[in-house]
Amino acid sequence: MKCKSINLEYFAFKASDGFEEVHHTCRSCKTHFNHLDGDTYDHCEQCNYNDK
């Protein structure tokens, strides 16, 4: 995440391995990321996020 804000939107989904997962989008800088390993995404088919 670019700005380290705690103002986040949460995207919960069930991953392909059956576990509950959560991605986050920062409402300040609009970065969408996987909280566990820090990967960032422009779009994500797993949680249906798309920045366009």
PDB file of N, CA and C in Angstrom:
ATOM      1  N   MET A   1       0.848  -1.176   0.000  1.00  0.00           N
ATOM      2  CA  MET A   1       0.000   0.000   0.000  1.00  0.00           C
ATOM      3  C   MET A   1       0.889   1.233   0.000  1.00  0.00           C
ATOM      4  N   LYS A   2       0.495   2.240  -0.721  1.00  0.00           N
ATOM      5  CA  LYS A   2       1.346   3.419  -0.905  1.00  0.00           C
ATOM      6  C   LYS A   2       1.323   4.376   0.271  1.00  0.00           C
ATOM      7  N   CYS A   3       0.138   4.574   0.861  1.00  0.00           N
ATOM      8  CA  CYS A   3       0.011   5.683   1.813  1.00  0.00           C
ATOM      9  C   CYS A   3      -0.074   5.253   3.278  1.00  0.00           C
ATOM     10  N   LYS A   4      -0.186   3.966   3.555  1.00  0.00           N
ATOM     11  CA  LYS A   4      -0.266   3.426   4.919  1.00  0.00           C
ATOM     12  C   LYS A   4      -1.524   3.853   5.666  1.00  0.00           C
ATOM     13  N   SER A   5      -2.561   4.265   4.950  1.00  0.00           N
ATOM     14  CA  SER A   5      -3.825   4.628   5.572  1.00  0.00           C
ATOM     15  C   SER A   5      -4.494   3.391   6.159  1.00  0.00           C
ATOM     16  N   ILE A   6      -5.302   3.590   7.190  1.00  0.00           N
ATOM     17  CA  ILE A   6      -6.097   2.490   7.733  1.00  0.00           C
ATOM     18  C   ILE A   6      -7.559   2.597   7.285  1.00  0.00           C
ATOM     19  N   ASN A   7      -7.849   3.512   6.366  1.00  0.00           N
ATOM     20  CA  ASN A   7      -9.200   3.695   5.834  1.00  0.00           C
ATOM     21  C   ASN A   7      -9.396   2.715   4.668  1.00  0.00           C
ATOM     22  N   LEU A   8      -9.783   1.476   4.978  1.00  0.00           N
ATOM     23  CA  LEU A   8      -9.806   0.399   3.995  1.00  0.00           C
ATOM     24  C   LEU A   8     -11.216  -0.099   3.724  1.00  0.00           C
ATOM     25  N   GLU A   9     -11.413  -0.555   2.496  1.00  0.00           N
ATOM     26  CA  GLU A   9     -12.620  -1.274   2.106  1.00  0.00           C
ATOM     27  C   GLU A   9     -12.227  -2.747   1.976  1.00  0.00           C
ATOM     28  N   TYR A  10     -13.105  -3.645   2.429  1.00  0.00           N
ATOM     29  CA  TYR A  10     -12.778  -5.065   2.478  1.00  0.00           C
ATOM     30  C   TYR A  10     -13.565  -5.844   1.434  1.00  0.00           C
ATOM     31  N   PHE A  11     -12.902  -6.813   0.790  1.00  0.00           N
ATOM     32  CA  PHE A  11     -13.512  -7.685  -0.201  1.00  0.00           C
ATOM     33  C   PHE A  11     -13.285  -9.130   0.237  1.00  0.00           C
ATOM     34  N   ALA A  12     -14.275  -9.727   0.893  1.00  0.00           N
ATOM     35  CA  ALA A  12     -14.148 -11.104   1.360  1.00  0.00           C
ATOM     36  C   ALA A  12     -14.617 -12.062   0.266  1.00  0.00           C
ATOM     37  N   PHE A  13     -13.948 -13.216   0.180  1.00  0.00           N
ATOM     38  CA  PHE A  13     -14.320 -14.226  -0.811  1.00  0.00           C
ATOM     39  C   PHE A  13     -13.762 -15.573  -0.376  1.00  0.00           C
ATOM     40  N   LYS A  14     -14.285 -16.628  -0.971  1.00  0.00           N
ATOM     41  CA  LYS A  14     -13.760 -17.968  -0.714  1.00  0.00           C
ATOM     42  C   LYS A  14     -12.774 -18.297  -1.823  1.00  0.00           C
ATOM     43  N   ALA A  15     -11.538 -18.580  -1.450  1.00  0.00           N
ATOM     44  CA  ALA A  15     -10.468 -18.873  -2.406  1.00  0.00           C
ATOM     45  C   ALA A  15     -10.653 -20.264  -3.008  1.00  0.00           C
ATOM     46  N   SER A  16      -9.907 -20.532  -4.063  1.00  0.00           N
ATOM     47  CA  SER A  16     -10.003 -21.815  -4.753  1.00  0.00           C
ATOM     48  C   SER A  16      -9.637 -22.994  -3.853  1.00  0.00           C
ATOM     49  N   ASP A  17      -8.863 -22.736  -2.795  1.00  0.00           N
ATOM     50  CA  ASP A  17      -8.513 -23.804  -1.858  1.00  0.00           C
ATOM     51  C   ASP A  17      -9.568 -24.002  -0.771  1.00  0.00           C
ATOM     52  N   GLY A  18     -10.668 -23.216  -0.850  1.00  0.00           N
ATOM     53  CA  GLY A  18     -11.773 -23.355   0.089  1.00  0.00           C
ATOM     54  C   GLY A  18     -11.684 -22.484   1.321  1.00  0.00           C
ATOM     55  N   PHE A  19     -10.574 -21.793   1.506  1.00  0.00           N
ATOM     56  CA  PHE A  19     -10.415 -20.934   2.672  1.00  0.00           C
ATOM     57  C   PHE A  19     -11.001 -19.555   2.422  1.00  0.00           C
ATOM     58  N   GLU A  20     -11.493 -18.936   3.489  1.00  0.00           N
ATOM     59  CA  GLU A  20     -11.979 -17.564   3.415  1.00  0.00           C
ATOM     60  C   GLU A  20     -10.778 -16.628   3.282  1.00  0.00           C
ATOM     61  N   GLU A  21     -10.833 -15.718   2.331  1.00  0.00           N
ATOM     62  CA  GLU A  21      -9.760 -14.757   2.087  1.00  0.00           C
ATOM     63  C   GLU A  21     -10.335 -13.342   2.109  1.00  0.00           C
ATOM     64  N   VAL A  22      -9.475 -12.368   2.272  1.00  0.00           N
ATOM     65  CA  VAL A  22      -9.893 -10.963   2.236  1.00  0.00           C
ATOM     66  C   VAL A  22      -8.860 -10.161   1.458  1.00  0.00           C
ATOM     67  N   HIS A  23      -9.333  -9.391   0.496  1.00  0.00           N
ATOM     68  CA  HIS A  23      -8.516  -8.368  -0.142  1.00  0.00           C
ATOM     69  C   HIS A  23      -8.999  -7.018   0.379  1.00  0.00           C
ATOM     70  N   HIS A  24      -8.179  -6.020   0.215  1.00  0.00           N
ATOM     71  CA  HIS A  24      -8.476  -4.690   0.744  1.00  0.00           C
ATOM     72  C   HIS A  24      -8.220  -3.640  -0.332  1.00  0.00           C
ATOM     73  N   THR A  25      -8.968  -2.550  -0.271  1.00  0.00           N
ATOM     74  CA  THR A  25      -8.693  -1.383  -1.098  1.00  0.00           C
ATOM     75  C   THR A  25      -8.593  -0.167  -0.181  1.00  0.00           C
ATOM     76  N   CYS A  26      -7.501   0.566  -0.322  1.00  0.00           N
ATOM     77  CA  CYS A  26      -7.331   1.798   0.451  1.00  0.00           C
ATOM     78  C   CYS A  26      -8.230   2.875  -0.143  1.00  0.00           C
ATOM     79  N   ARG A  27      -9.074   3.474   0.686  1.00  0.00           N
ATOM     80  CA  ARG A  27      -9.971   4.532   0.203  1.00  0.00           C
ATOM     81  C   ARG A  27      -9.223   5.835  -0.060  1.00  0.00           C
ATOM     82  N   SER A  28      -7.999   5.965   0.463  1.00  0.00           N
ATOM     83  CA  SER A  28      -7.217   7.179   0.250  1.00  0.00           C
ATOM     84  C   SER A  28      -6.431   7.143  -1.063  1.00  0.00           C
ATOM     85  N   CYS A  29      -5.650   6.066  -1.271  1.00  0.00           N
ATOM     86  CA  CYS A  29      -4.787   6.023  -2.464  1.00  0.00           C
ATOM     87  C   CYS A  29      -5.294   5.038  -3.528  1.00  0.00           C
ATOM     88  N   LYS A  30      -6.396   4.305  -3.213  1.00  0.00           N
ATOM     89  CA  LYS A  30      -7.047   3.380  -4.160  1.00  0.00           C
ATOM     90  C   LYS A  30      -6.234   2.135  -4.478  1.00  0.00           C
ATOM     91  N   THR A  31      -5.171   1.844  -3.722  1.00  0.00           N
ATOM     92  CA  THR A  31      -4.410   0.616  -3.932  1.00  0.00           C
ATOM     93  C   THR A  31      -5.238  -0.574  -3.459  1.00  0.00           C
ATOM     94  N   HIS A  32      -5.336  -1.612  -4.303  1.00  0.00           N
ATOM     95  CA  HIS A  32      -6.037  -2.846  -3.947  1.00  0.00           C
ATOM     96  C   HIS A  32      -4.986  -3.913  -3.690  1.00  0.00           C
ATOM     97  N   PHE A  33      -5.095  -4.626  -2.569  1.00  0.00           N
ATOM     98  CA  PHE A  33      -4.013  -5.529  -2.205  1.00  0.00           C
ATOM     99  C   PHE A  33      -4.502  -6.713  -1.396  1.00  0.00           C
ATOM    100  N   ASN A  34      -3.690  -7.758  -1.417  1.00  0.00           N
ATOM    101  CA  ASN A  34      -3.860  -8.940  -0.596  1.00  0.00           C
ATOM    102  C   ASN A  34      -3.099  -8.685   0.688  1.00  0.00           C
ATOM    103  N   HIS A  35      -3.788  -8.654   1.786  1.00  0.00           N
ATOM    104  CA  HIS A  35      -3.172  -8.279   3.059  1.00  0.00           C
ATOM    105  C   HIS A  35      -2.128  -9.285   3.527  1.00  0.00           C
ATOM    106  N   LEU A  36      -2.286 -10.569   3.174  1.00  0.00           N
ATOM    107  CA  LEU A  36      -1.377 -11.590   3.690  1.00  0.00           C
ATOM    108  C   LEU A  36       0.022 -11.489   3.112  1.00  0.00           C
ATOM    109  N   ASP A  37       0.135 -11.288   1.793  1.00  0.00           N
ATOM    110  CA  ASP A  37       1.475 -11.243   1.201  1.00  0.00           C
ATOM    111  C   ASP A  37       1.795  -9.926   0.521  1.00  0.00           C
ATOM    112  N   GLY A  38       0.870  -8.982   0.531  1.00  0.00           N
ATOM    113  CA  GLY A  38       1.142  -7.644   0.032  1.00  0.00           C
ATOM    114  C   GLY A  38       1.086  -7.471  -1.475  1.00  0.00           C
ATOM    115  N   ASP A  39       0.607  -8.499  -2.225  1.00  0.00           N
ATOM    116  CA  ASP A  39       0.458  -8.337  -3.677  1.00  0.00           C
ATOM    117  C   ASP A  39      -0.592  -7.281  -3.967  1.00  0.00           C
ATOM    118  N   THR A  40      -0.341  -6.451  -4.960  1.00  0.00           N
ATOM    119  CA  THR A  40      -1.323  -5.447  -5.374  1.00  0.00           C
ATOM    120  C   THR A  40      -1.906  -5.830  -6.728  1.00  0.00           C
ATOM    121  N   TYR A  41      -3.132  -5.367  -6.986  1.00  0.00           N
ATOM    122  CA  TYR A  41      -3.874  -5.755  -8.178  1.00  0.00           C
ATOM    123  C   TYR A  41      -4.563  -4.552  -8.821  1.00  0.00           C
ATOM    124  N   ASP A  42      -4.615  -4.541 -10.164  1.00  0.00           N
ATOM    125  CA  ASP A  42      -5.471  -3.607 -10.889  1.00  0.00           C
ATOM    126  C   ASP A  42      -6.870  -4.188 -11.016  1.00  0.00           C
ATOM    127  N   HIS A  43      -6.936  -5.494 -11.105  1.00  0.00           N
ATOM    128  CA  HIS A  43      -8.213  -6.211 -11.086  1.00  0.00           C
ATOM    129  C   HIS A  43      -7.969  -7.592 -10.484  1.00  0.00           C
ATOM    130  N   CYS A  44      -9.037  -8.184  -9.973  1.00  0.00           N
ATOM    131  CA  CYS A  44      -8.908  -9.493  -9.344  1.00  0.00           C
ATOM    132  C   CYS A  44     -10.166 -10.299  -9.627  1.00  0.00           C
ATOM    133  N   GLU A  45     -10.008 -11.425 -10.304  1.00  0.00           N
ATOM    134  CA  GLU A  45     -11.152 -12.289 -10.596  1.00  0.00           C
ATOM    135  C   GLU A  45     -11.650 -13.011  -9.349  1.00  0.00           C
ATOM    136  N   GLN A  46     -10.798 -13.184  -8.349  1.00  0.00           N
ATOM    137  CA  GLN A  46     -11.209 -13.890  -7.139  1.00  0.00           C
ATOM    138  C   GLN A  46     -12.202 -13.090  -6.315  1.00  0.00           C
ATOM    139  N   CYS A  47     -11.952 -11.803  -6.124  1.00  0.00           N
ATOM    140  CA  CYS A  47     -12.850 -10.985  -5.292  1.00  0.00           C
ATOM    141  C   CYS A  47     -13.686 -10.014  -6.125  1.00  0.00           C
ATOM    142  N   ASN A  48     -13.555 -10.078  -7.448  1.00  0.00           N
ATOM    143  CA  ASN A  48     -14.327  -9.255  -8.400  1.00  0.00           C
ATOM    144  C   ASN A  48     -13.976  -7.779  -8.359  1.00  0.00           C
ATOM    145  N   TYR A  49     -12.789  -7.440  -7.884  1.00  0.00           N
ATOM    146  CA  TYR A  49     -12.346  -6.049  -7.898  1.00  0.00           C
ATOM    147  C   TYR A  49     -11.862  -5.656  -9.281  1.00  0.00           C
ATOM    148  N   ASN A  50     -12.217  -4.451  -9.717  1.00  0.00           N
ATOM    149  CA  ASN A  50     -11.719  -3.907 -10.982  1.00  0.00           C
ATOM    150  C   ASN A  50     -11.638  -2.398 -10.812  1.00  0.00           C
ATOM    151  N   ASP A  51     -10.463  -1.822 -11.051  1.00  0.00           N
ATOM    152  CA  ASP A  51     -10.297  -0.390 -10.824  1.00  0.00           C
ATOM    153  C   ASP A  51     -10.797   0.476 -11.977  1.00  0.00           C
ATOM    154  N   LYS A  52     -11.293  -0.143 -13.019  1.00  0.00           N
ATOM    155  CA  LYS A  52     -11.793   0.635 -14.163  1.00  0.00           C
ATOM    156  C   LYS A  52     -13.264   0.961 -14.015  1.00  0.00           C
TER     157      LYS A  52
END
